[in-house]
Amino acid sequence: MYLQQVEISGFRGINRLSLTLDHNTVLIGENTWGKSSLLDALTILLSPKQPLYQFSQHDFHQLVDTDEQVNNLQIILVFWENQSNSHNARRFKSLSALWD
């Protein structure tokens, strides 16, 4: 099983992002394009041993050239099974409540 797609809106440096991943995805871009924000979102959601994360005002996207802040955020991860029933493996047990 691997992460196939990431969709983020309103999180830190990311207003909207839809990214399809494959086995050789590389993040390249100028400063302030959201590379670190993407990695932070993945770390928050996928770290198995960290305590429950408490979102703060800093986590919500700040619109460029204004003082307006986005008041909602959404992070969607889409996983793909490369083998049937691999989602039932022991290492994914902690994520079982999230499967749709």
PDB file of N, CA and C in Angstrom:
ATOM      1  N   MET A   1       0.846  -1.169   0.000  1.00  0.00           N
ATOM      2  CA  MET A   1       0.000   0.000   0.000  1.00  0.00           C
ATOM      3  C   MET A   1       0.895   1.236   0.000  1.00  0.00           C
ATOM      4  N   TYR A   2       0.497   2.204  -0.795  1.00  0.00           N
ATOM      5  CA  TYR A   2       1.251   3.458  -0.776  1.00  0.00           C
ATOM      6  C   TYR A   2       0.305   4.637  -0.940  1.00  0.00           C
ATOM      7  N   LEU A   3       0.825   5.814  -0.575  1.00  0.00           N
ATOM      8  CA  LEU A   3       0.063   7.053  -0.687  1.00  0.00           C
ATOM      9  C   LEU A   3       0.023   7.455  -2.151  1.00  0.00           C
ATOM     10  N   GLN A   4      -1.182   7.534  -2.714  1.00  0.00           N
ATOM     11  CA  GLN A   4      -1.345   7.823  -4.138  1.00  0.00           C
ATOM     12  C   GLN A   4      -1.628   9.298  -4.404  1.00  0.00           C
ATOM     13  N   GLN A   5      -2.400   9.932  -3.532  1.00  0.00           N
ATOM     14  CA  GLN A   5      -2.790  11.314  -3.782  1.00  0.00           C
ATOM     15  C   GLN A   5      -2.939  12.074  -2.472  1.00  0.00           C
ATOM     16  N   VAL A   6      -2.574  13.353  -2.510  1.00  0.00           N
ATOM     17  CA  VAL A   6      -2.712  14.256  -1.375  1.00  0.00           C
ATOM     18  C   VAL A   6      -3.486  15.476  -1.850  1.00  0.00           C
ATOM     19  N   GLU A   7      -4.525  15.834  -1.104  1.00  0.00           N
ATOM     20  CA  GLU A   7      -5.270  17.059  -1.384  1.00  0.00           C
ATOM     21  C   GLU A   7      -5.299  17.878  -0.106  1.00  0.00           C
ATOM     22  N   ILE A   8      -4.867  19.124  -0.212  1.00  0.00           N
ATOM     23  CA  ILE A   8      -4.794  20.004   0.952  1.00  0.00           C
ATOM     24  C   ILE A   8      -5.392  21.344   0.578  1.00  0.00           C
ATOM     25  N   SER A   9      -6.189  21.887   1.469  1.00  0.00           N
ATOM     26  CA  SER A   9      -6.651  23.269   1.289  1.00  0.00           C
ATOM     27  C   SER A   9      -6.656  23.968   2.643  1.00  0.00           C
ATOM     28  N   GLY A  10      -6.104  25.182   2.641  1.00  0.00           N
ATOM     29  CA  GLY A  10      -6.133  26.030   3.819  1.00  0.00           C
ATOM     30  C   GLY A  10      -5.136  25.695   4.905  1.00  0.00           C
ATOM     31  N   PHE A  11      -4.078  24.966   4.596  1.00  0.00           N
ATOM     32  CA  PHE A  11      -3.100  24.584   5.619  1.00  0.00           C
ATOM     33  C   PHE A  11      -1.793  25.337   5.422  1.00  0.00           C
ATOM     34  N   ARG A  12      -1.407  26.101   6.408  1.00  0.00           N
ATOM     35  CA  ARG A  12      -0.161  26.878   6.442  1.00  0.00           C
ATOM     36  C   ARG A  12       0.112  27.602   5.133  1.00  0.00           C
ATOM     37  N   GLY A  13       1.149  27.236   4.403  1.00  0.00           N
ATOM     38  CA  GLY A  13       1.510  27.920   3.161  1.00  0.00           C
ATOM     39  C   GLY A  13       0.746  27.445   1.946  1.00  0.00           C
ATOM     40  N   ILE A  14      -0.258  26.594   2.139  1.00  0.00           N
ATOM     41  CA  ILE A  14      -0.975  26.013   1.000  1.00  0.00           C
ATOM     42  C   ILE A  14      -2.412  26.499   0.980  1.00  0.00           C
ATOM     43  N   ASN A  15      -2.770  27.235  -0.065  1.00  0.00           N
ATOM     44  CA  ASN A  15      -4.168  27.610  -0.252  1.00  0.00           C
ATOM     45  C   ASN A  15      -4.934  26.404  -0.787  1.00  0.00           C
ATOM     46  N   ARG A  16      -4.467  25.834  -1.910  1.00  0.00           N
ATOM     47  CA  ARG A  16      -5.043  24.609  -2.500  1.00  0.00           C
ATOM     48  C   ARG A  16      -3.936  23.815  -3.156  1.00  0.00           C
ATOM     49  N   LEU A  17      -3.990  22.499  -2.943  1.00  0.00           N
ATOM     50  CA  LEU A  17      -3.007  21.606  -3.553  1.00  0.00           C
ATOM     51  C   LEU A  17      -3.666  20.266  -3.832  1.00  0.00           C
ATOM     52  N   SER A  18      -3.459  19.758  -5.022  1.00  0.00           N
ATOM     53  CA  SER A  18      -3.852  18.409  -5.370  1.00  0.00           C
ATOM     54  C   SER A  18      -2.643  17.781  -6.046  1.00  0.00           C
ATOM     55  N   LEU A  19      -2.088  16.750  -5.424  1.00  0.00           N
ATOM     56  CA  LEU A  19      -0.836  16.176  -5.884  1.00  0.00           C
ATOM     57  C   LEU A  19      -0.976  14.662  -5.991  1.00  0.00           C
ATOM     58  N   THR A  20      -0.742  14.131  -7.177  1.00  0.00           N
ATOM     59  CA  THR A  20      -0.729  12.683  -7.390  1.00  0.00           C
ATOM     60  C   THR A  20       0.708  12.212  -7.269  1.00  0.00           C
ATOM     61  N   LEU A  21       0.918  11.191  -6.449  1.00  0.00           N
ATOM     62  CA  LEU A  21       2.261  10.692  -6.179  1.00  0.00           C
ATOM     63  C   LEU A  21       2.489   9.366  -6.891  1.00  0.00           C
ATOM     64  N   ASP A  22       3.728   9.104  -7.240  1.00  0.00           N
ATOM     65  CA  ASP A  22       4.108   7.791  -7.737  1.00  0.00           C
ATOM     66  C   ASP A  22       5.359   7.362  -6.988  1.00  0.00           C
ATOM     67  N   HIS A  23       6.031   6.347  -7.457  1.00  0.00           N
ATOM     68  CA  HIS A  23       7.192   5.822  -6.742  1.00  0.00           C
ATOM     69  C   HIS A  23       8.402   6.750  -6.779  1.00  0.00           C
ATOM     70  N   ASN A  24       8.406   7.720  -7.667  1.00  0.00           N
ATOM     71  CA  ASN A  24       9.562   8.600  -7.830  1.00  0.00           C
ATOM     72  C   ASN A  24       9.181  10.076  -7.785  1.00  0.00           C
ATOM     73  N   THR A  25       8.348  10.467  -6.867  1.00  0.00           N
ATOM     74  CA  THR A  25       7.929  11.857  -6.774  1.00  0.00           C
ATOM     75  C   THR A  25       9.007  12.681  -6.070  1.00  0.00           C
ATOM     76  N   VAL A  26       9.330  13.832  -6.646  1.00  0.00           N
ATOM     77  CA  VAL A  26      10.329  14.736  -6.091  1.00  0.00           C
ATOM     78  C   VAL A  26       9.674  16.106  -5.936  1.00  0.00           C
ATOM     79  N   LEU A  27       9.890  16.745  -4.797  1.00  0.00           N
ATOM     80  CA  LEU A  27       9.359  18.092  -4.570  1.00  0.00           C
ATOM     81  C   LEU A  27      10.425  19.119  -4.928  1.00  0.00           C
ATOM     82  N   ILE A  28      10.116  19.928  -5.924  1.00  0.00           N
ATOM     83  CA  ILE A  28      11.026  20.974  -6.367  1.00  0.00           C
ATOM     84  C   ILE A  28      10.201  22.244  -6.516  1.00  0.00           C
ATOM     85  N   GLY A  29      10.719  23.359  -6.031  1.00  0.00           N
ATOM     86  CA  GLY A  29      10.005  24.619  -6.191  1.00  0.00           C
ATOM     87  C   GLY A  29      10.711  25.743  -5.476  1.00  0.00           C
ATOM     88  N   GLU A  30      10.279  26.939  -5.786  1.00  0.00           N
ATOM     89  CA  GLU A  30      10.860  28.124  -5.163  1.00  0.00           C
ATOM     90  C   GLU A  30      10.440  28.213  -3.700  1.00  0.00           C
ATOM     91  N   ASN A  31      11.104  29.103  -2.968  1.00  0.00           N
ATOM     92  CA  ASN A  31      10.733  29.349  -1.583  1.00  0.00           C
ATOM     93  C   ASN A  31       9.285  29.810  -1.509  1.00  0.00           C
ATOM     94  N   THR A  32       8.628  29.466  -0.441  1.00  0.00           N
ATOM     95  CA  THR A  32       7.226  29.816  -0.124  1.00  0.00           C
ATOM     96  C   THR A  32       6.210  29.189  -1.074  1.00  0.00           C
ATOM     97  N   TRP A  33       6.524  28.084  -1.725  1.00  0.00           N
ATOM     98  CA  TRP A  33       5.570  27.401  -2.602  1.00  0.00           C
ATOM     99  C   TRP A  33       4.833  26.282  -1.897  1.00  0.00           C
ATOM    100  N   GLY A  34       5.162  26.001  -0.625  1.00  0.00           N
ATOM    101  CA  GLY A  34       4.403  25.041   0.157  1.00  0.00           C
ATOM    102  C   GLY A  34       5.029  23.667   0.326  1.00  0.00           C
ATOM    103  N   LYS A  35       6.295  23.507  -0.061  1.00  0.00           N
ATOM    104  CA  LYS A  35       6.944  22.199   0.085  1.00  0.00           C
ATOM    105  C   LYS A  35       7.000  21.778   1.552  1.00  0.00           C
ATOM    106  N   SER A  36       7.443  22.665   2.407  1.00  0.00           N
ATOM    107  CA  SER A  36       7.532  22.345   3.841  1.00  0.00           C
ATOM    108  C   SER A  36       6.156  22.156   4.451  1.00  0.00           C
ATOM    109  N   SER A  37       5.182  22.937   4.014  1.00  0.00           N
ATOM    110  CA  SER A  37       3.816  22.782   4.521  1.00  0.00           C
ATOM    111  C   SER A  37       3.259  21.409   4.158  1.00  0.00           C
ATOM    112  N   LEU A  38       3.532  20.948   2.947  1.00  0.00           N
ATOM    113  CA  LEU A  38       3.101  19.613   2.535  1.00  0.00           C
ATOM    114  C   LEU A  38       3.734  18.553   3.426  1.00  0.00           C
ATOM    115  N   LEU A  39       5.039  18.646   3.638  1.00  0.00           N
ATOM    116  CA  LEU A  39       5.726  17.665   4.477  1.00  0.00           C
ATOM    117  C   LEU A  39       5.250  17.734   5.929  1.00  0.00           C
ATOM    118  N   ASP A  40       4.961  18.934   6.426  1.00  0.00           N
ATOM    119  CA  ASP A  40       4.423  19.074   7.785  1.00  0.00           C
ATOM    120  C   ASP A  40       3.060  18.398   7.909  1.00  0.00           C
ATOM    121  N   ALA A  41       2.204  18.578   6.917  1.00  0.00           N
ATOM    122  CA  ALA A  41       0.874  17.952   6.938  1.00  0.00           C
ATOM    123  C   ALA A  41       1.004  16.428   6.964  1.00  0.00           C
ATOM    124  N   LEU A  42       1.887  15.887   6.139  1.00  0.00           N
ATOM    125  CA  LEU A  42       2.091  14.439   6.112  1.00  0.00           C
ATOM    126  C   LEU A  42       2.660  13.939   7.436  1.00  0.00           C
ATOM    127  N   THR A  43       3.568  14.686   8.018  1.00  0.00           N
ATOM    128  CA  THR A  43       4.149  14.301   9.307  1.00  0.00           C
ATOM    129  C   THR A  43       3.092  14.298  10.399  1.00  0.00           C
ATOM    130  N   ILE A  44       2.265  15.325  10.433  1.00  0.00           N
ATOM    131  CA  ILE A  44       1.207  15.412  11.442  1.00  0.00           C
ATOM    132  C   ILE A  44       0.248  14.230  11.327  1.00  0.00           C
ATOM    133  N   LEU A  45      -0.130  13.888  10.116  1.00  0.00           N
ATOM    134  CA  LEU A  45      -1.135  12.848   9.916  1.00  0.00           C
ATOM    135  C   LEU A  45      -0.592  11.425   9.961  1.00  0.00           C
ATOM    136  N   LEU A  46       0.646  11.226   9.600  1.00  0.00           N
ATOM    137  CA  LEU A  46       1.151   9.864   9.445  1.00  0.00           C
ATOM    138  C   LEU A  46       2.157   9.410  10.497  1.00  0.00           C
ATOM    139  N   SER A  47       2.579  10.297  11.402  1.00  0.00           N
ATOM    140  CA  SER A  47       3.515   9.874  12.452  1.00  0.00           C
ATOM    141  C   SER A  47       2.792   8.976  13.443  1.00  0.00           C
ATOM    142  N   PRO A  48       3.248   7.737  13.585  1.00  0.00           N
ATOM    143  CA  PRO A  48       2.499   6.778  14.402  1.00  0.00           C
ATOM    144  C   PRO A  48       2.603   6.985  15.907  1.00  0.00           C
ATOM    145  N   LYS A  49       3.628   7.633  16.408  1.00  0.00           N
ATOM    146  CA  LYS A  49       3.825   7.680  17.850  1.00  0.00           C
ATOM    147  C   LYS A  49       3.732   9.074  18.452  1.00  0.00           C
ATOM    148  N   GLN A  50       3.240  10.032  17.744  1.00  0.00           N
ATOM    149  CA  GLN A  50       3.158  11.362  18.328  1.00  0.00           C
ATOM    150  C   GLN A  50       1.807  11.536  19.010  1.00  0.00           C
ATOM    151  N   PRO A  51       1.721  12.450  19.992  1.00  0.00           N
ATOM    152  CA  PRO A  51       0.423  12.691  20.622  1.00  0.00           C
ATOM    153  C   PRO A  51      -0.530  13.385  19.654  1.00  0.00           C
ATOM    154  N   LEU A  52      -1.795  13.391  19.990  1.00  0.00           N
ATOM    155  CA  LEU A  52      -2.806  14.029  19.160  1.00  0.00           C
ATOM    156  C   LEU A  52      -2.425  15.486  18.912  1.00  0.00           C
ATOM    157  N   TYR A  53      -2.389  15.890  17.652  1.00  0.00           N
ATOM    158  CA  TYR A  53      -1.951  17.237  17.281  1.00  0.00           C
ATOM    159  C   TYR A  53      -3.062  18.250  17.544  1.00  0.00           C
ATOM    160  N   GLN A  54      -2.712  19.372  18.128  1.00  0.00           N
ATOM    161  CA  GLN A  54      -3.647  20.465  18.369  1.00  0.00           C
ATOM    162  C   GLN A  54      -3.370  21.581  17.357  1.00  0.00           C
ATOM    163  N   PHE A  55      -4.296  21.798  16.429  1.00  0.00           N
ATOM    164  CA  PHE A  55      -4.120  22.849  15.425  1.00  0.00           C
ATOM    165  C   PHE A  55      -4.215  24.214  16.083  1.00  0.00           C
ATOM    166  N   SER A  56      -3.410  25.165  15.592  1.00  0.00           N
ATOM    167  CA  SER A  56      -3.419  26.535  16.107  1.00  0.00           C
ATOM    168  C   SER A  56      -3.690  27.490  14.948  1.00  0.00           C
ATOM    169  N   GLN A  57      -3.814  28.765  15.250  1.00  0.00           N
ATOM    170  CA  GLN A  57      -4.043  29.769  14.201  1.00  0.00           C
ATOM    171  C   GLN A  57      -2.929  29.759  13.165  1.00  0.00           C
ATOM    172  N   HIS A  58      -1.717  29.417  13.581  1.00  0.00           N
ATOM    173  CA  HIS A  58      -0.558  29.345  12.675  1.00  0.00           C
ATOM    174  C   HIS A  58      -0.768  28.296  11.574  1.00  0.00           C
ATOM    175  N   ASP A  59      -1.590  27.295  11.825  1.00  0.00           N
ATOM    176  CA  ASP A  59      -1.802  26.211  10.863  1.00  0.00           C
ATOM    177  C   ASP A  59      -2.760  26.570   9.734  1.00  0.00           C
ATOM    178  N   PHE A  60      -3.486  27.665   9.862  1.00  0.00           N
ATOM    179  CA  PHE A  60      -4.456  28.052   8.840  1.00  0.00           C
ATOM    180  C   PHE A  60      -3.797  28.989   7.834  1.00  0.00           C
ATOM    181  N   HIS A  61      -4.119  28.805   6.570  1.00  0.00           N
ATOM    182  CA  HIS A  61      -3.492  29.558   5.485  1.00  0.00           C
ATOM    183  C   HIS A  61      -3.792  31.051   5.572  1.00  0.00           C
ATOM    184  N   GLN A  62      -2.766  31.859   5.397  1.00  0.00           N
ATOM    185  CA  GLN A  62      -2.885  33.316   5.368  1.00  0.00           C
ATOM    186  C   GLN A  62      -2.890  33.748   3.908  1.00  0.00           C
ATOM    187  N   LEU A  63      -3.944  34.429   3.471  1.00  0.00           N
ATOM    188  CA  LEU A  63      -4.015  34.883   2.080  1.00  0.00           C
ATOM    189  C   LEU A  63      -2.944  35.924   1.802  1.00  0.00           C
ATOM    190  N   VAL A  64      -2.321  35.820   0.640  1.00  0.00           N
ATOM    191  CA  VAL A  64      -1.239  36.730   0.251  1.00  0.00           C
ATOM    192  C   VAL A  64      -1.794  38.132   0.037  1.00  0.00           C
ATOM    193  N   ASP A  65      -1.037  39.134   0.444  1.00  0.00           N
ATOM    194  CA  ASP A  65      -1.354  40.553   0.248  1.00  0.00           C
ATOM    195  C   ASP A  65      -2.582  41.023   1.025  1.00  0.00           C
ATOM    196  N   THR A  66      -3.056  40.244   1.983  1.00  0.00           N
ATOM    197  CA  THR A  66      -4.157  40.685   2.842  1.00  0.00           C
ATOM    198  C   THR A  66      -3.890  40.180   4.251  1.00  0.00           C
ATOM    199  N   ASP A  67      -4.676  40.645   5.180  1.00  0.00           N
ATOM    200  CA  ASP A  67      -4.594  40.135   6.550  1.00  0.00           C
ATOM    201  C   ASP A  67      -5.626  39.048   6.782  1.00  0.00           C
ATOM    202  N   GLU A  68      -6.347  38.685   5.717  1.00  0.00           N
ATOM    203  CA  GLU A  68      -7.407  37.691   5.852  1.00  0.00           C
ATOM    204  C   GLU A  68      -6.819  36.297   6.000  1.00  0.00           C
ATOM    205  N   GLN A  69      -7.409  35.531   6.920  1.00  0.00           N
ATOM    206  CA  GLN A  69      -6.952  34.176   7.167  1.00  0.00           C
ATOM    207  C   GLN A  69      -8.072  33.197   6.835  1.00  0.00           C
ATOM    208  N   VAL A  70      -7.719  32.098   6.181  1.00  0.00           N
ATOM    209  CA  VAL A  70      -8.687  31.047   5.889  1.00  0.00           C
ATOM    210  C   VAL A  70      -9.062  30.392   7.205  1.00  0.00           C
ATOM    211  N   ASN A  71     -10.355  30.173   7.443  1.00  0.00           N
ATOM    212  CA  ASN A  71     -10.805  29.647   8.727  1.00  0.00           C
ATOM    213  C   ASN A  71     -11.129  28.163   8.706  1.00  0.00           C
ATOM    214  N   ASN A  72     -10.779  27.487   7.628  1.00  0.00           N
ATOM    215  CA  ASN A  72     -10.963  26.040   7.601  1.00  0.00           C
ATOM    216  C   ASN A  72      -9.803  25.414   6.853  1.00  0.00           C
ATOM    217  N   LEU A  73      -9.563  24.160   7.158  1.00  0.00           N
ATOM    218  CA  LEU A  73      -8.534  23.442   6.433  1.00  0.00           C
ATOM    219  C   LEU A  73      -9.017  22.022   6.200  1.00  0.00           C
ATOM    220  N   GLN A  74      -8.493  21.431   5.151  1.00  0.00           N
ATOM    221  CA  GLN A  74      -8.873  20.078   4.785  1.00  0.00           C
ATOM    222  C   GLN A  74      -7.642  19.368   4.233  1.00  0.00           C
ATOM    223  N   ILE A  75      -7.424  18.159   4.733  1.00  0.00           N
ATOM    224  CA  ILE A  75      -6.316  17.341   4.247  1.00  0.00           C
ATOM    225  C   ILE A  75      -6.885  15.959   3.938  1.00  0.00           C
ATOM    226  N   ILE A  76      -6.770  15.550   2.691  1.00  0.00           N
ATOM    227  CA  ILE A  76      -7.287  14.248   2.256  1.00  0.00           C
ATOM    228  C   ILE A  76      -6.115  13.429   1.717  1.00  0.00           C
ATOM    229  N   LEU A  77      -5.967  12.222   2.233  1.00  0.00           N
ATOM    230  CA  LEU A  77      -4.947  11.299   1.757  1.00  0.00           C
ATOM    231  C   LEU A  77      -5.637  10.116   1.098  1.00  0.00           C
ATOM    232  N   VAL A  78      -5.201   9.762  -0.097  1.00  0.00           N
ATOM    233  CA  VAL A  78      -5.763   8.615  -0.818  1.00  0.00           C
ATOM    234  C   VAL A  78      -4.667   7.558  -0.932  1.00  0.00           C
ATOM    235  N   PHE A  79      -4.949   6.372  -0.397  1.00  0.00           N
ATOM    236  CA  PHE A  79      -3.996   5.274  -0.454  1.00  0.00           C
ATOM    237  C   PHE A  79      -4.417   4.281  -1.526  1.00  0.00           C
ATOM    238  N   TRP A  80      -3.442   3.576  -2.072  1.00  0.00           N
ATOM    239  CA  TRP A  80      -3.703   2.582  -3.100  1.00  0.00           C
ATOM    240  C   TRP A  80      -3.090   1.260  -2.653  1.00  0.00           C
ATOM    241  N   GLU A  81      -3.866   0.201  -2.768  1.00  0.00           N
ATOM    242  CA  GLU A  81      -3.371  -1.129  -2.426  1.00  0.00           C
ATOM    243  C   GLU A  81      -2.760  -1.768  -3.667  1.00  0.00           C
ATOM    244  N   ASN A  82      -1.524  -2.167  -3.563  1.00  0.00           N
ATOM    245  CA  ASN A  82      -0.907  -2.862  -4.682  1.00  0.00           C
ATOM    246  C   ASN A  82      -1.081  -4.376  -4.560  1.00  0.00           C
ATOM    247  N   GLN A  83      -1.568  -4.831  -3.398  1.00  0.00           N
ATOM    248  CA  GLN A  83      -1.917  -6.227  -3.181  1.00  0.00           C
ATOM    249  C   GLN A  83      -3.260  -6.261  -2.464  1.00  0.00           C
ATOM    250  N   SER A  84      -4.128  -7.142  -2.861  1.00  0.00           N
ATOM    251  CA  SER A  84      -5.455  -7.242  -2.263  1.00  0.00           C
ATOM    252  C   SER A  84      -5.366  -7.475  -0.757  1.00  0.00           C
ATOM    253  N   ASN A  85      -6.178  -6.726   0.004  1.00  0.00           N
ATOM    254  CA  ASN A  85      -6.273  -6.821   1.463  1.00  0.00           C
ATOM    255  C   ASN A  85      -5.011  -6.410   2.206  1.00  0.00           C
ATOM    256  N   SER A  86      -4.115  -5.681   1.577  1.00  0.00           N
ATOM    257  CA  SER A  86      -2.919  -5.238   2.293  1.00  0.00           C
ATOM    258  C   SER A  86      -3.266  -4.245   3.398  1.00  0.00           C
ATOM    259  N   HIS A  87      -4.446  -3.613   3.322  1.00  0.00           N
ATOM    260  CA  HIS A  87      -4.855  -2.686   4.379  1.00  0.00           C
ATOM    261  C   HIS A  87      -5.114  -3.409   5.702  1.00  0.00           C
ATOM    262  N   ASN A  88      -5.239  -4.730   5.684  1.00  0.00           N
ATOM    263  CA  ASN A  88      -5.456  -5.506   6.900  1.00  0.00           C
ATOM    264  C   ASN A  88      -4.154  -5.910   7.592  1.00  0.00           C
ATOM    265  N   ALA A  89      -3.021  -5.535   7.029  1.00  0.00           N
ATOM    266  CA  ALA A  89      -1.732  -5.880   7.632  1.00  0.00           C
ATOM    267  C   ALA A  89      -1.589  -5.229   9.000  1.00  0.00           C
ATOM    268  N   ARG A  90      -0.855  -5.871   9.877  1.00  0.00           N
ATOM    269  CA  ARG A  90      -0.671  -5.401  11.248  1.00  0.00           C
ATOM    270  C   ARG A  90      -0.154  -3.963  11.316  1.00  0.00           C
ATOM    271  N   ARG A  91       0.762  -3.606  10.432  1.00  0.00           N
ATOM    272  CA  ARG A  91       1.357  -2.268  10.488  1.00  0.00           C
ATOM    273  C   ARG A  91       0.347  -1.153  10.174  1.00  0.00           C
ATOM    274  N   PHE A  92      -0.795  -1.487   9.550  1.00  0.00           N
ATOM    275  CA  PHE A  92      -1.820  -0.482   9.241  1.00  0.00           C
ATOM    276  C   PHE A  92      -2.993  -0.514  10.218  1.00  0.00           C
ATOM    277  N   LYS A  93      -2.911  -1.354  11.248  1.00  0.00           N
ATOM    278  CA  LYS A  93      -4.020  -1.519  12.190  1.00  0.00           C
ATOM    279  C   LYS A  93      -4.422  -0.194  12.841  1.00  0.00           C
ATOM    280  N   SER A  94      -3.460   0.655  13.177  1.00  0.00           N
ATOM    281  CA  SER A  94      -3.788   1.927  13.832  1.00  0.00           C
ATOM    282  C   SER A  94      -4.573   2.864  12.912  1.00  0.00           C
ATOM    283  N   LEU A  95      -4.548   2.623  11.605  1.00  0.00           N
ATOM    284  CA  LEU A  95      -5.272   3.454  10.655  1.00  0.00           C
ATOM    285  C   LEU A  95      -6.627   2.856  10.243  1.00  0.00           C
ATOM    286  N   SER A  96      -6.975   1.695  10.773  1.00  0.00           N
ATOM    287  CA  SER A  96      -8.164   0.977  10.320  1.00  0.00           C
ATOM    288  C   SER A  96      -9.447   1.793  10.464  1.00  0.00           C
ATOM    289  N   ALA A  97      -9.539   2.660  11.452  1.00  0.00           N
ATOM    290  CA  ALA A  97     -10.741   3.476  11.632  1.00  0.00           C
ATOM    291  C   ALA A  97     -10.908   4.504  10.515  1.00  0.00           C
ATOM    292  N   LEU A  98      -9.860   4.746   9.753  1.00  0.00           N
ATOM    293  CA  LEU A  98      -9.886   5.779   8.718  1.00  0.00           C
ATOM    294  C   LEU A  98     -10.267   5.262   7.344  1.00  0.00           C
ATOM    295  N   TRP A  99     -10.252   3.943   7.145  1.00  0.00           N
ATOM    296  CA  TRP A  99     -10.511   3.405   5.806  1.00  0.00           C
ATOM    297  C   TRP A  99     -11.938   3.676   5.376  1.00  0.00           C
ATOM    298  N   ASP A 100     -12.077   4.041   4.133  1.00  0.00           N
ATOM    299  CA  ASP A 100     -13.395   4.274   3.535  1.00  0.00           C
ATOM    300  C   ASP A 100     -13.508   3.409   2.298  1.00  0.00           C
TER     301      ASP A 100
END
